[in-house]
Every structure is written in structure tokens, then in C-alpha cells.
Amino acid sequence: MLKIPDFTKKEIDYIIEMANFTRQEKELFLLRNDEYSLEYCAEKMNVSVSTVKRINKKMKNKIIRIL
């Protein structure tokens, strides 16, 4: 299972540079890196939990492709 907080600073920078994240994906990636829950991220991003789960899935797929 992919756990975002397990990445090093260098890996985070590489992922952000190479993954071609949308604005929402990048925001979620950075929030998840700070170990916030999906529910908190949804509230912070002003979207529903189901939307955050969809963004999270797309974001993780991009990360897996570049690693």
C-alpha cells in the first residue's frame, strides 16, 4: 500500500515535478504528506469526501506510474 508520508523530501520534490498533478491533486498530495485524513482534506479543499477519494485514486495512479 502506498503511504505518502513515507516519502523523503527528495522523493516528494521528484514526484511533484514529474507527476503532472492537477492543482487539486498537488494540494491533496501535500496535505496527505502532513498525515491529514481524507475527511480533513475534503473539508480543507472544500469538496466532498467522495471527490477527495476520486482525486486520491488518480493521484496515487500517477505516483505509481513514475516510480
C-alpha atoms as a PDB file:
ATOM      1  CA  MET A   1       0.000   0.000   0.000  1.00  0.00           C
ATOM      2  CA  LEU A   2       1.280   3.446  -0.943  1.00  0.00           C
ATOM      3  CA  LYS A   3       1.718   5.671   2.110  1.00  0.00           C
ATOM      4  CA  ILE A   4       2.516   9.229   1.175  1.00  0.00           C
ATOM      5  CA  PRO A   5       4.092  10.324   4.500  1.00  0.00           C
ATOM      6  CA  ASP A   6       6.765   7.651   3.990  1.00  0.00           C
ATOM      7  CA  PHE A   7       8.370   9.634   1.142  1.00  0.00           C
ATOM      8  CA  THR A   8      11.563  11.610   1.724  1.00  0.00           C
ATOM      9  CA  LYS A   9      11.758  15.320   0.887  1.00  0.00           C
ATOM     10  CA  LYS A  10      13.778  14.490  -2.227  1.00  0.00           C
ATOM     11  CA  GLU A  11      11.169  11.945  -3.346  1.00  0.00           C
ATOM     12  CA  ILE A  12       8.337  14.410  -2.711  1.00  0.00           C
ATOM     13  CA  ASP A  13      10.047  17.049  -4.848  1.00  0.00           C
ATOM     14  CA  TYR A  14      10.632  14.480  -7.608  1.00  0.00           C
ATOM     15  CA  ILE A  15       7.001  13.314  -7.528  1.00  0.00           C
ATOM     16  CA  ILE A  16       5.647  16.868  -7.677  1.00  0.00           C
ATOM     17  CA  GLU A  17       7.950  17.674 -10.580  1.00  0.00           C
ATOM     18  CA  MET A  18       7.284  14.519 -12.597  1.00  0.00           C
ATOM     19  CA  ALA A  19       3.665  13.537 -11.878  1.00  0.00           C
ATOM     20  CA  ASN A  20       1.993  16.425 -13.709  1.00  0.00           C
ATOM     21  CA  PHE A  21      -0.538  16.820 -10.892  1.00  0.00           C
ATOM     22  CA  THR A  22      -3.607  18.971 -11.268  1.00  0.00           C
ATOM     23  CA  ARG A  23      -3.939  21.779  -8.729  1.00  0.00           C
ATOM     24  CA  GLN A  24      -6.244  19.627  -6.584  1.00  0.00           C
ATOM     25  CA  GLU A  25      -4.000  16.567  -6.796  1.00  0.00           C
ATOM     26  CA  LYS A  26      -0.985  18.599  -5.699  1.00  0.00           C
ATOM     27  CA  GLU A  27      -2.937  20.157  -2.827  1.00  0.00           C
ATOM     28  CA  LEU A  28      -4.126  16.731  -1.687  1.00  0.00           C
ATOM     29  CA  PHE A  29      -0.629  15.254  -2.034  1.00  0.00           C
ATOM     30  CA  LEU A  30       0.810  17.951   0.226  1.00  0.00           C
ATOM     31  CA  LEU A  31      -1.996  17.606   2.776  1.00  0.00           C
ATOM     32  CA  ARG A  32      -1.648  13.823   2.849  1.00  0.00           C
ATOM     33  CA  ASN A  33       2.103  14.230   3.274  1.00  0.00           C
ATOM     34  CA  ASP A  34       1.291  16.064   6.512  1.00  0.00           C
ATOM     35  CA  GLU A  35      -0.727  12.969   7.511  1.00  0.00           C
ATOM     36  CA  TYR A  36      -4.166  14.583   7.388  1.00  0.00           C
ATOM     37  CA  SER A  37      -7.173  12.295   6.965  1.00  0.00           C
ATOM     38  CA  LEU A  38      -9.172  12.251   3.750  1.00  0.00           C
ATOM     39  CA  GLU A  39     -12.087  13.742   5.666  1.00  0.00           C
ATOM     40  CA  TYR A  40      -9.957  16.666   6.856  1.00  0.00           C
ATOM     41  CA  CYS A  41      -8.562  17.131   3.357  1.00  0.00           C
ATOM     42  CA  ALA A  42     -12.089  17.262   1.926  1.00  0.00           C
ATOM     43  CA  GLU A  43     -13.035  19.947   4.427  1.00  0.00           C
ATOM     44  CA  LYS A  44      -9.837  21.927   3.778  1.00  0.00           C
ATOM     45  CA  MET A  45     -10.259  21.669  -0.011  1.00  0.00           C
ATOM     46  CA  ASN A  46     -13.982  22.495   0.225  1.00  0.00           C
ATOM     47  CA  VAL A  47     -15.086  19.348  -1.632  1.00  0.00           C
ATOM     48  CA  SER A  48     -16.912  16.158  -0.652  1.00  0.00           C
ATOM     49  CA  VAL A  49     -15.155  13.108   0.764  1.00  0.00           C
ATOM     50  CA  SER A  50     -16.099  11.129  -2.346  1.00  0.00           C
ATOM     51  CA  THR A  51     -14.431  13.789  -4.528  1.00  0.00           C
ATOM     52  CA  VAL A  52     -11.272  13.601  -2.407  1.00  0.00           C
ATOM     53  CA  LYS A  53     -11.284   9.808  -2.730  1.00  0.00           C
ATOM     54  CA  ARG A  54     -11.523  10.149  -6.527  1.00  0.00           C
ATOM     55  CA  ILE A  55      -8.690  12.700  -6.602  1.00  0.00           C
ATOM     56  CA  ASN A  56      -6.647  10.481  -4.266  1.00  0.00           C
ATOM     57  CA  LYS A  57      -7.044   7.488  -6.578  1.00  0.00           C
ATOM     58  CA  LYS A  58      -5.933   9.482  -9.647  1.00  0.00           C
ATOM     59  CA  MET A  59      -3.031  10.975  -7.691  1.00  0.00           C
ATOM     60  CA  LYS A  60      -1.815   7.575  -6.490  1.00  0.00           C
ATOM     61  CA  ASN A  61      -2.028   6.142 -10.012  1.00  0.00           C
ATOM     62  CA  LYS A  62       0.215   8.953 -11.267  1.00  0.00           C
ATOM     63  CA  ILE A  63       2.697   8.359  -8.454  1.00  0.00           C
ATOM     64  CA  ILE A  64       2.840   4.623  -9.162  1.00  0.00           C
ATOM     65  CA  ARG A  65       3.471   5.281 -12.870  1.00  0.00           C
ATOM     66  CA  ILE A  66       6.512   7.474 -12.226  1.00  0.00           C
ATOM     67  CA  LEU A  67       8.092   5.334  -9.511  1.00  0.00           C
END
